[in-house]
């Protein structure tokens, strides 16, 4: 990897992280941040085992178990038997969980909207192109990484 690509990758990740933190910090919503993150992860991955969620969130299984229990208590997630292994459960969003996640996303967009409106039409078009490119990058990350552990529940090969 060239030094230029390394700098580009670092700048990209730093900018996205800063924008994400800014939107979350300024948005007004009632869902605790850790739970909002888990709702978004469930939305992204679909029904998953706690172990897979913990790996995807880069956190421990006991930490994720506690967060899942909080989501269940709020009515935002449910456990169902894993059809592939009766000893395991899959965690999924409920309709209430999806509504809570939608409210978080709407609140975060609401703080970003005035900033987006300040962009010129040409800048908005450039941003649309950049977002399309970001979607392509995200899609490329759904392919298994040669660095992922071979038995990872998130590895899809």
N, C-alpha and C. Protein backbone atom coordinates (compact mmCIF):
# COMPACT_ATOMS: atom_id res chain seq x y z
N UNK A 1 0.86 -1.18 0.00
CA UNK A 1 0.00 0.00 0.00
C UNK A 1 0.90 1.24 0.00
N UNK A 2 0.57 2.19 -0.83
CA UNK A 2 1.39 3.38 -0.91
C UNK A 2 1.10 4.30 0.27
N UNK A 3 2.04 5.18 0.51
CA UNK A 3 1.87 6.16 1.59
C UNK A 3 0.65 7.04 1.34
N UNK A 4 0.40 7.35 0.06
CA UNK A 4 -0.75 8.18 -0.30
C UNK A 4 -2.06 7.48 0.05
N UNK A 5 -2.17 6.18 -0.26
CA UNK A 5 -3.38 5.44 0.06
C UNK A 5 -3.55 5.27 1.57
N UNK A 6 -2.45 5.10 2.28
CA UNK A 6 -2.52 5.00 3.73
C UNK A 6 -3.07 6.30 4.31
N UNK A 7 -2.58 7.42 3.84
CA UNK A 7 -3.07 8.72 4.32
C UNK A 7 -4.54 8.91 3.95
N UNK A 8 -4.90 8.53 2.72
CA UNK A 8 -6.28 8.65 2.28
C UNK A 8 -7.20 7.81 3.16
N UNK A 9 -6.82 6.57 3.40
CA UNK A 9 -7.63 5.69 4.25
C UNK A 9 -7.78 6.23 5.66
N UNK A 10 -6.69 6.71 6.22
CA UNK A 10 -6.75 7.28 7.57
C UNK A 10 -7.62 8.53 7.61
N UNK A 11 -7.47 9.39 6.61
CA UNK A 11 -8.29 10.61 6.56
C UNK A 11 -9.77 10.27 6.41
N UNK A 12 -10.08 9.29 5.56
CA UNK A 12 -11.46 8.87 5.36
C UNK A 12 -12.07 8.37 6.67
N UNK A 13 -11.40 7.45 7.33
CA UNK A 13 -11.93 6.89 8.58
C UNK A 13 -12.06 7.95 9.66
N UNK A 14 -11.10 8.84 9.76
CA UNK A 14 -11.14 9.90 10.76
C UNK A 14 -12.30 10.85 10.49
N UNK A 15 -12.50 11.23 9.24
CA UNK A 15 -13.59 12.16 8.89
C UNK A 15 -14.95 11.53 9.16
N UNK A 16 -15.12 10.27 8.77
CA UNK A 16 -16.40 9.60 9.01
C UNK A 16 -16.66 9.47 10.51
N UNK A 17 -15.65 9.07 11.26
CA UNK A 17 -15.81 8.92 12.71
C UNK A 17 -16.16 10.26 13.37
N UNK A 18 -15.48 11.32 12.95
CA UNK A 18 -15.76 12.64 13.54
C UNK A 18 -17.17 13.10 13.21
N UNK A 19 -17.61 12.92 11.97
CA UNK A 19 -18.97 13.31 11.58
C UNK A 19 -20.00 12.49 12.35
N UNK A 20 -19.75 11.21 12.48
CA UNK A 20 -20.65 10.33 13.21
C UNK A 20 -20.76 10.77 14.68
N UNK A 21 -19.62 11.02 15.32
CA UNK A 21 -19.63 11.47 16.73
C UNK A 21 -20.33 12.82 16.86
N UNK A 22 -20.07 13.73 15.93
CA UNK A 22 -20.69 15.05 15.99
C UNK A 22 -22.21 14.93 15.90
N UNK A 23 -22.69 14.15 14.94
CA UNK A 23 -24.14 14.01 14.76
C UNK A 23 -24.77 13.38 16.00
N UNK A 24 -24.13 12.38 16.56
CA UNK A 24 -24.66 11.72 17.76
C UNK A 24 -24.65 12.67 18.95
N UNK A 25 -23.58 13.42 19.11
CA UNK A 25 -23.44 14.34 20.25
C UNK A 25 -24.49 15.44 20.21
N UNK A 26 -24.84 15.92 19.03
CA UNK A 26 -25.76 17.04 18.91
C UNK A 26 -27.22 16.64 18.73
N UNK A 27 -27.45 15.38 18.42
CA UNK A 27 -28.82 14.89 18.22
C UNK A 27 -29.50 14.67 19.57
N UNK A 28 -30.79 14.79 19.56
CA UNK A 28 -31.58 14.57 20.77
C UNK A 28 -32.44 13.32 20.57
N UNK A 29 -32.09 12.26 21.30
CA UNK A 29 -32.88 11.03 21.27
C UNK A 29 -32.79 10.35 22.62
N UNK A 30 -33.77 9.50 22.89
CA UNK A 30 -33.92 8.88 24.21
C UNK A 30 -33.24 7.52 24.34
N UNK A 31 -32.71 7.00 23.27
CA UNK A 31 -32.08 5.68 23.30
C UNK A 31 -30.63 5.84 23.73
N UNK A 32 -30.19 5.10 24.77
CA UNK A 32 -28.76 5.18 25.13
C UNK A 32 -27.89 4.81 23.93
N UNK A 33 -26.75 5.47 23.84
CA UNK A 33 -25.89 5.32 22.67
C UNK A 33 -25.51 3.86 22.42
N UNK A 34 -25.10 3.13 23.44
CA UNK A 34 -24.69 1.73 23.25
C UNK A 34 -25.85 0.90 22.70
N UNK A 35 -27.05 1.19 23.16
CA UNK A 35 -28.21 0.45 22.66
C UNK A 35 -28.54 0.87 21.23
N UNK A 36 -28.39 2.14 20.92
CA UNK A 36 -28.62 2.59 19.54
C UNK A 36 -27.64 1.90 18.60
N UNK A 37 -26.38 1.79 19.03
CA UNK A 37 -25.37 1.10 18.21
C UNK A 37 -25.75 -0.35 17.99
N UNK A 38 -26.25 -1.02 19.04
CA UNK A 38 -26.64 -2.42 18.90
C UNK A 38 -27.88 -2.56 18.02
N UNK A 39 -28.82 -1.64 18.13
CA UNK A 39 -29.97 -1.67 17.23
C UNK A 39 -29.51 -1.56 15.77
N UNK A 40 -28.58 -0.65 15.51
CA UNK A 40 -28.07 -0.47 14.15
C UNK A 40 -27.34 -1.72 13.68
N UNK A 41 -26.61 -2.37 14.58
CA UNK A 41 -25.89 -3.59 14.22
C UNK A 41 -26.88 -4.71 13.88
N UNK A 42 -27.94 -4.83 14.67
CA UNK A 42 -28.96 -5.84 14.38
C UNK A 42 -29.66 -5.55 13.05
N UNK A 43 -29.87 -4.28 12.77
CA UNK A 43 -30.48 -3.89 11.50
C UNK A 43 -29.56 -4.27 10.34
N UNK A 44 -28.27 -4.06 10.53
CA UNK A 44 -27.29 -4.37 9.48
C UNK A 44 -27.13 -5.87 9.27
N UNK A 45 -26.99 -6.62 10.35
CA UNK A 45 -26.66 -8.04 10.25
C UNK A 45 -27.87 -8.95 10.17
N UNK A 46 -29.02 -8.47 10.65
CA UNK A 46 -30.18 -9.34 10.75
C UNK A 46 -30.05 -10.22 11.97
N UNK A 47 -30.92 -11.20 12.12
CA UNK A 47 -30.86 -12.07 13.30
C UNK A 47 -29.49 -12.72 13.44
N UNK A 48 -28.91 -12.62 14.63
CA UNK A 48 -27.58 -13.16 14.89
C UNK A 48 -27.49 -13.68 16.31
N UNK A 49 -26.53 -14.53 16.55
CA UNK A 49 -26.20 -14.99 17.89
C UNK A 49 -25.46 -13.88 18.63
N UNK A 50 -25.54 -13.93 19.94
CA UNK A 50 -24.83 -12.94 20.76
C UNK A 50 -23.34 -12.98 20.45
N UNK A 51 -22.78 -14.15 20.27
CA UNK A 51 -21.34 -14.26 20.00
C UNK A 51 -20.96 -13.53 18.71
N UNK A 52 -21.78 -13.64 17.68
CA UNK A 52 -21.50 -12.96 16.42
C UNK A 52 -21.66 -11.45 16.58
N UNK A 53 -22.67 -11.04 17.35
CA UNK A 53 -22.85 -9.60 17.60
C UNK A 53 -21.65 -9.04 18.37
N UNK A 54 -21.18 -9.79 19.36
CA UNK A 54 -20.03 -9.34 20.15
C UNK A 54 -18.80 -9.18 19.26
N UNK A 55 -18.60 -10.15 18.38
CA UNK A 55 -17.44 -10.06 17.48
C UNK A 55 -17.58 -8.86 16.54
N UNK A 56 -18.77 -8.67 15.98
CA UNK A 56 -18.98 -7.55 15.06
C UNK A 56 -18.83 -6.20 15.75
N UNK A 57 -19.17 -6.16 17.05
CA UNK A 57 -19.08 -4.92 17.82
C UNK A 57 -17.72 -4.76 18.49
N UNK A 58 -16.88 -5.78 18.33
CA UNK A 58 -15.56 -5.78 18.96
C UNK A 58 -15.68 -5.61 20.48
N UNK A 59 -16.62 -6.33 21.06
CA UNK A 59 -16.81 -6.28 22.50
C UNK A 59 -16.94 -7.71 23.03
N UNK A 60 -16.99 -7.84 24.33
CA UNK A 60 -17.06 -9.17 24.93
C UNK A 60 -18.48 -9.72 24.88
N UNK A 61 -18.58 -11.03 24.93
CA UNK A 61 -19.90 -11.65 24.93
C UNK A 61 -20.71 -11.25 26.17
N UNK A 62 -20.11 -11.20 27.39
CA UNK A 62 -20.91 -10.76 28.54
C UNK A 62 -21.43 -9.32 28.40
N UNK A 63 -20.63 -8.45 27.81
CA UNK A 63 -21.07 -7.07 27.58
C UNK A 63 -22.26 -7.04 26.63
N UNK A 64 -22.16 -7.79 25.54
CA UNK A 64 -23.26 -7.82 24.57
C UNK A 64 -24.49 -8.50 25.14
N UNK A 65 -24.30 -9.51 25.97
CA UNK A 65 -25.45 -10.18 26.60
C UNK A 65 -26.23 -9.18 27.45
N UNK A 66 -25.52 -8.36 28.20
CA UNK A 66 -26.18 -7.33 29.02
C UNK A 66 -26.93 -6.33 28.14
N UNK A 67 -26.30 -5.90 27.05
CA UNK A 67 -26.95 -4.95 26.15
C UNK A 67 -28.19 -5.57 25.50
N UNK A 68 -28.10 -6.83 25.11
CA UNK A 68 -29.25 -7.51 24.51
C UNK A 68 -30.39 -7.60 25.53
N UNK A 69 -30.05 -7.91 26.78
CA UNK A 69 -31.08 -7.97 27.82
C UNK A 69 -31.77 -6.62 27.98
N UNK A 70 -31.01 -5.55 27.88
CA UNK A 70 -31.61 -4.21 27.97
C UNK A 70 -32.55 -3.94 26.78
N UNK A 71 -32.12 -4.36 25.59
CA UNK A 71 -32.98 -4.19 24.42
C UNK A 71 -34.27 -5.02 24.58
N UNK A 72 -34.12 -6.22 25.09
CA UNK A 72 -35.31 -7.07 25.29
C UNK A 72 -36.26 -6.45 26.31
N UNK A 73 -35.70 -5.92 27.40
CA UNK A 73 -36.53 -5.30 28.44
C UNK A 73 -37.29 -4.10 27.90
N UNK A 74 -36.68 -3.38 26.95
CA UNK A 74 -37.34 -2.22 26.34
C UNK A 74 -38.32 -2.63 25.25
N UNK A 75 -38.31 -3.91 24.89
CA UNK A 75 -39.19 -4.39 23.81
C UNK A 75 -38.62 -4.15 22.43
N UNK A 76 -37.32 -3.88 22.35
CA UNK A 76 -36.69 -3.54 21.08
C UNK A 76 -36.04 -4.73 20.38
N UNK A 77 -35.86 -5.84 21.09
CA UNK A 77 -35.25 -7.03 20.50
C UNK A 77 -35.92 -8.26 21.08
N UNK A 78 -35.78 -9.37 20.36
CA UNK A 78 -36.33 -10.64 20.84
C UNK A 78 -35.34 -11.76 20.53
N UNK A 79 -35.46 -12.82 21.30
CA UNK A 79 -34.67 -14.04 21.07
C UNK A 79 -35.57 -15.08 20.44
N UNK A 80 -35.00 -15.78 19.49
CA UNK A 80 -35.71 -16.89 18.87
C UNK A 80 -34.73 -18.05 18.75
N UNK A 81 -35.26 -19.25 18.75
CA UNK A 81 -34.40 -20.42 18.61
C UNK A 81 -33.66 -20.36 17.28
N UNK A 82 -32.39 -20.73 17.31
CA UNK A 82 -31.60 -20.81 16.09
C UNK A 82 -32.01 -22.10 15.36
N UNK A 83 -32.53 -22.01 14.14
CA UNK A 83 -32.97 -23.21 13.44
C UNK A 83 -31.82 -24.19 13.16
N UNK A 84 -30.57 -23.69 13.17
CA UNK A 84 -29.42 -24.55 12.91
C UNK A 84 -28.86 -25.19 14.17
N UNK A 85 -29.27 -24.69 15.35
CA UNK A 85 -28.73 -25.20 16.62
C UNK A 85 -29.73 -24.87 17.72
N UNK A 86 -30.47 -25.86 18.16
CA UNK A 86 -31.53 -25.64 19.16
C UNK A 86 -30.99 -25.13 20.49
N UNK A 87 -29.68 -25.29 20.73
CA UNK A 87 -29.10 -24.80 21.99
C UNK A 87 -28.84 -23.30 21.95
N UNK A 88 -28.87 -22.71 20.78
CA UNK A 88 -28.52 -21.29 20.61
C UNK A 88 -29.75 -20.46 20.28
N UNK A 89 -29.61 -19.16 20.50
CA UNK A 89 -30.68 -18.21 20.17
C UNK A 89 -30.18 -17.20 19.16
N UNK A 90 -31.11 -16.70 18.38
CA UNK A 90 -30.83 -15.59 17.47
C UNK A 90 -31.53 -14.35 18.02
N UNK A 91 -30.84 -13.24 17.97
CA UNK A 91 -31.38 -11.96 18.43
C UNK A 91 -31.80 -11.17 17.20
N UNK A 92 -33.00 -10.61 17.26
CA UNK A 92 -33.47 -9.80 16.12
C UNK A 92 -34.24 -8.59 16.63
N UNK A 93 -34.40 -7.61 15.75
CA UNK A 93 -35.16 -6.41 16.07
C UNK A 93 -36.65 -6.71 16.11
N UNK A 94 -37.35 -6.05 17.01
CA UNK A 94 -38.81 -6.05 16.98
C UNK A 94 -39.25 -4.82 16.19
N UNK A 95 -40.53 -4.72 15.93
CA UNK A 95 -41.04 -3.52 15.27
C UNK A 95 -40.77 -2.29 16.13
N UNK A 96 -40.87 -2.44 17.45
CA UNK A 96 -40.57 -1.32 18.36
C UNK A 96 -39.08 -0.94 18.28
N UNK A 97 -38.23 -1.94 18.15
CA UNK A 97 -36.80 -1.68 18.02
C UNK A 97 -36.48 -0.95 16.73
N UNK A 98 -37.14 -1.35 15.66
CA UNK A 98 -36.94 -0.66 14.37
C UNK A 98 -37.41 0.79 14.47
N UNK A 99 -38.54 1.01 15.17
CA UNK A 99 -39.05 2.38 15.34
C UNK A 99 -38.08 3.20 16.17
N UNK A 100 -37.51 2.61 17.22
CA UNK A 100 -36.53 3.33 18.05
C UNK A 100 -35.30 3.68 17.23
N UNK A 101 -34.83 2.75 16.41
CA UNK A 101 -33.67 3.01 15.55
C UNK A 101 -34.00 4.09 14.52
N UNK A 102 -35.18 4.03 13.94
CA UNK A 102 -35.59 5.07 12.99
C UNK A 102 -35.61 6.45 13.66
N UNK A 103 -36.06 6.52 14.91
CA UNK A 103 -36.10 7.80 15.63
C UNK A 103 -34.68 8.32 15.86
N UNK A 104 -33.75 7.44 16.20
CA UNK A 104 -32.35 7.84 16.39
C UNK A 104 -31.79 8.37 15.07
N UNK A 105 -32.02 7.64 14.01
CA UNK A 105 -31.50 8.06 12.71
C UNK A 105 -32.11 9.38 12.27
N UNK A 106 -33.39 9.56 12.52
CA UNK A 106 -34.04 10.83 12.16
C UNK A 106 -33.44 11.98 12.98
N UNK A 107 -33.20 11.77 14.26
CA UNK A 107 -32.63 12.82 15.12
C UNK A 107 -31.23 13.19 14.66
N UNK A 108 -30.44 12.19 14.29
CA UNK A 108 -29.08 12.46 13.82
C UNK A 108 -29.12 13.21 12.49
N UNK A 109 -30.02 12.81 11.58
CA UNK A 109 -30.15 13.52 10.31
C UNK A 109 -30.60 14.97 10.55
N UNK A 110 -31.50 15.16 11.51
CA UNK A 110 -32.04 16.50 11.76
C UNK A 110 -30.93 17.50 12.12
N UNK A 111 -29.90 17.05 12.83
CA UNK A 111 -28.81 17.98 13.16
C UNK A 111 -27.87 18.18 11.97
N UNK A 112 -27.83 17.20 11.08
CA UNK A 112 -26.96 17.32 9.91
C UNK A 112 -27.62 18.11 8.77
N UNK A 113 -28.94 18.09 8.70
CA UNK A 113 -29.66 18.73 7.60
C UNK A 113 -29.27 20.18 7.37
N UNK A 114 -29.20 21.02 8.41
CA UNK A 114 -28.82 22.43 8.14
C UNK A 114 -27.43 22.57 7.55
N UNK A 115 -26.53 21.67 7.90
CA UNK A 115 -25.18 21.72 7.33
C UNK A 115 -25.23 21.32 5.86
N UNK A 116 -25.99 20.28 5.55
CA UNK A 116 -26.13 19.85 4.16
C UNK A 116 -26.77 20.94 3.31
N UNK A 117 -27.74 21.65 3.89
CA UNK A 117 -28.44 22.71 3.15
C UNK A 117 -27.52 23.88 2.82
N UNK A 118 -26.42 24.02 3.55
CA UNK A 118 -25.47 25.11 3.28
C UNK A 118 -24.58 24.80 2.07
N UNK A 119 -24.56 23.56 1.65
CA UNK A 119 -23.75 23.19 0.50
C UNK A 119 -24.41 23.69 -0.78
N UNK A 120 -23.59 24.06 -1.73
CA UNK A 120 -24.12 24.47 -3.04
C UNK A 120 -24.71 23.24 -3.73
N UNK A 121 -25.56 23.45 -4.73
CA UNK A 121 -26.08 22.30 -5.48
C UNK A 121 -24.97 21.44 -6.08
N UNK A 122 -23.90 22.09 -6.54
CA UNK A 122 -22.77 21.33 -7.09
C UNK A 122 -22.10 20.49 -5.99
N UNK A 123 -21.92 21.06 -4.82
CA UNK A 123 -21.32 20.32 -3.70
C UNK A 123 -22.24 19.17 -3.26
N UNK A 124 -23.54 19.40 -3.28
CA UNK A 124 -24.48 18.32 -2.94
C UNK A 124 -24.35 17.18 -3.94
N UNK A 125 -24.19 17.51 -5.22
CA UNK A 125 -23.99 16.47 -6.23
C UNK A 125 -22.69 15.70 -5.98
N UNK A 126 -21.62 16.41 -5.64
CA UNK A 126 -20.35 15.75 -5.32
C UNK A 126 -20.52 14.84 -4.11
N UNK A 127 -21.28 15.31 -3.13
CA UNK A 127 -21.51 14.49 -1.94
C UNK A 127 -22.31 13.23 -2.29
N UNK A 128 -23.30 13.37 -3.16
CA UNK A 128 -24.05 12.18 -3.60
C UNK A 128 -23.12 11.16 -4.26
N UNK A 129 -22.20 11.65 -5.10
CA UNK A 129 -21.22 10.77 -5.74
C UNK A 129 -20.32 10.12 -4.69
N UNK A 130 -19.89 10.91 -3.71
CA UNK A 130 -19.03 10.37 -2.65
C UNK A 130 -19.76 9.31 -1.83
N UNK A 131 -21.03 9.56 -1.53
CA UNK A 131 -21.82 8.58 -0.77
C UNK A 131 -21.98 7.29 -1.58
N UNK A 132 -22.20 7.41 -2.87
CA UNK A 132 -22.30 6.21 -3.72
C UNK A 132 -20.99 5.43 -3.67
N UNK A 133 -19.88 6.13 -3.70
CA UNK A 133 -18.57 5.48 -3.62
C UNK A 133 -18.38 4.83 -2.25
N UNK A 134 -18.82 5.50 -1.20
CA UNK A 134 -18.74 4.92 0.15
C UNK A 134 -19.56 3.64 0.23
N UNK A 135 -20.73 3.62 -0.40
CA UNK A 135 -21.53 2.40 -0.42
C UNK A 135 -20.78 1.27 -1.12
N UNK A 136 -20.05 1.59 -2.18
CA UNK A 136 -19.24 0.57 -2.86
C UNK A 136 -18.15 0.05 -1.94
N UNK A 137 -17.52 0.95 -1.19
CA UNK A 137 -16.49 0.52 -0.23
C UNK A 137 -17.09 -0.38 0.84
N UNK A 138 -18.25 0.00 1.35
CA UNK A 138 -18.91 -0.82 2.38
C UNK A 138 -19.25 -2.19 1.81
N UNK A 139 -19.74 -2.23 0.59
CA UNK A 139 -20.06 -3.51 -0.05
C UNK A 139 -18.80 -4.37 -0.17
N UNK A 140 -17.68 -3.75 -0.50
CA UNK A 140 -16.43 -4.50 -0.62
C UNK A 140 -16.00 -5.08 0.74
N UNK A 141 -16.38 -4.42 1.83
CA UNK A 141 -16.01 -4.94 3.14
C UNK A 141 -16.85 -6.14 3.55
N UNK A 142 -17.92 -6.40 2.84
CA UNK A 142 -18.75 -7.57 3.18
C UNK A 142 -18.11 -8.85 2.67
N UNK A 143 -17.07 -8.73 1.86
CA UNK A 143 -16.33 -9.90 1.40
C UNK A 143 -15.38 -10.32 2.52
N UNK A 144 -15.12 -11.62 2.68
CA UNK A 144 -14.24 -12.05 3.77
C UNK A 144 -12.83 -11.49 3.59
N UNK A 145 -12.28 -11.06 4.69
CA UNK A 145 -10.92 -10.56 4.69
C UNK A 145 -9.96 -11.73 4.86
N UNK A 146 -8.85 -11.73 4.15
CA UNK A 146 -7.88 -12.81 4.36
C UNK A 146 -7.31 -12.78 5.79
N UNK A 147 -7.51 -11.67 6.50
CA UNK A 147 -7.00 -11.55 7.86
C UNK A 147 -8.00 -12.02 8.91
N UNK A 148 -9.27 -12.29 8.50
CA UNK A 148 -10.28 -12.76 9.45
C UNK A 148 -9.96 -14.18 9.89
N UNK A 149 -10.24 -14.47 11.17
CA UNK A 149 -10.03 -15.86 11.63
C UNK A 149 -10.91 -16.81 10.82
N UNK A 150 -10.41 -18.01 10.50
CA UNK A 150 -11.16 -18.92 9.64
C UNK A 150 -12.49 -19.36 10.23
N UNK A 151 -12.62 -19.43 11.55
CA UNK A 151 -13.86 -19.90 12.17
C UNK A 151 -14.77 -18.76 12.62
N UNK A 152 -14.51 -17.56 12.18
CA UNK A 152 -15.32 -16.41 12.59
C UNK A 152 -16.75 -16.59 12.14
N UNK A 153 -17.74 -16.33 13.05
CA UNK A 153 -19.13 -16.47 12.65
C UNK A 153 -19.54 -15.44 11.60
N UNK A 154 -18.76 -14.37 11.44
CA UNK A 154 -19.10 -13.34 10.47
C UNK A 154 -18.43 -13.58 9.11
N UNK A 155 -17.52 -14.52 9.07
CA UNK A 155 -16.84 -14.83 7.81
C UNK A 155 -17.80 -15.62 6.93
N UNK A 156 -17.93 -15.23 5.71
CA UNK A 156 -18.96 -15.80 4.84
C UNK A 156 -18.38 -16.63 3.71
N UNK A 157 -17.21 -17.26 3.90
CA UNK A 157 -16.68 -18.06 2.79
C UNK A 157 -16.76 -19.54 3.06
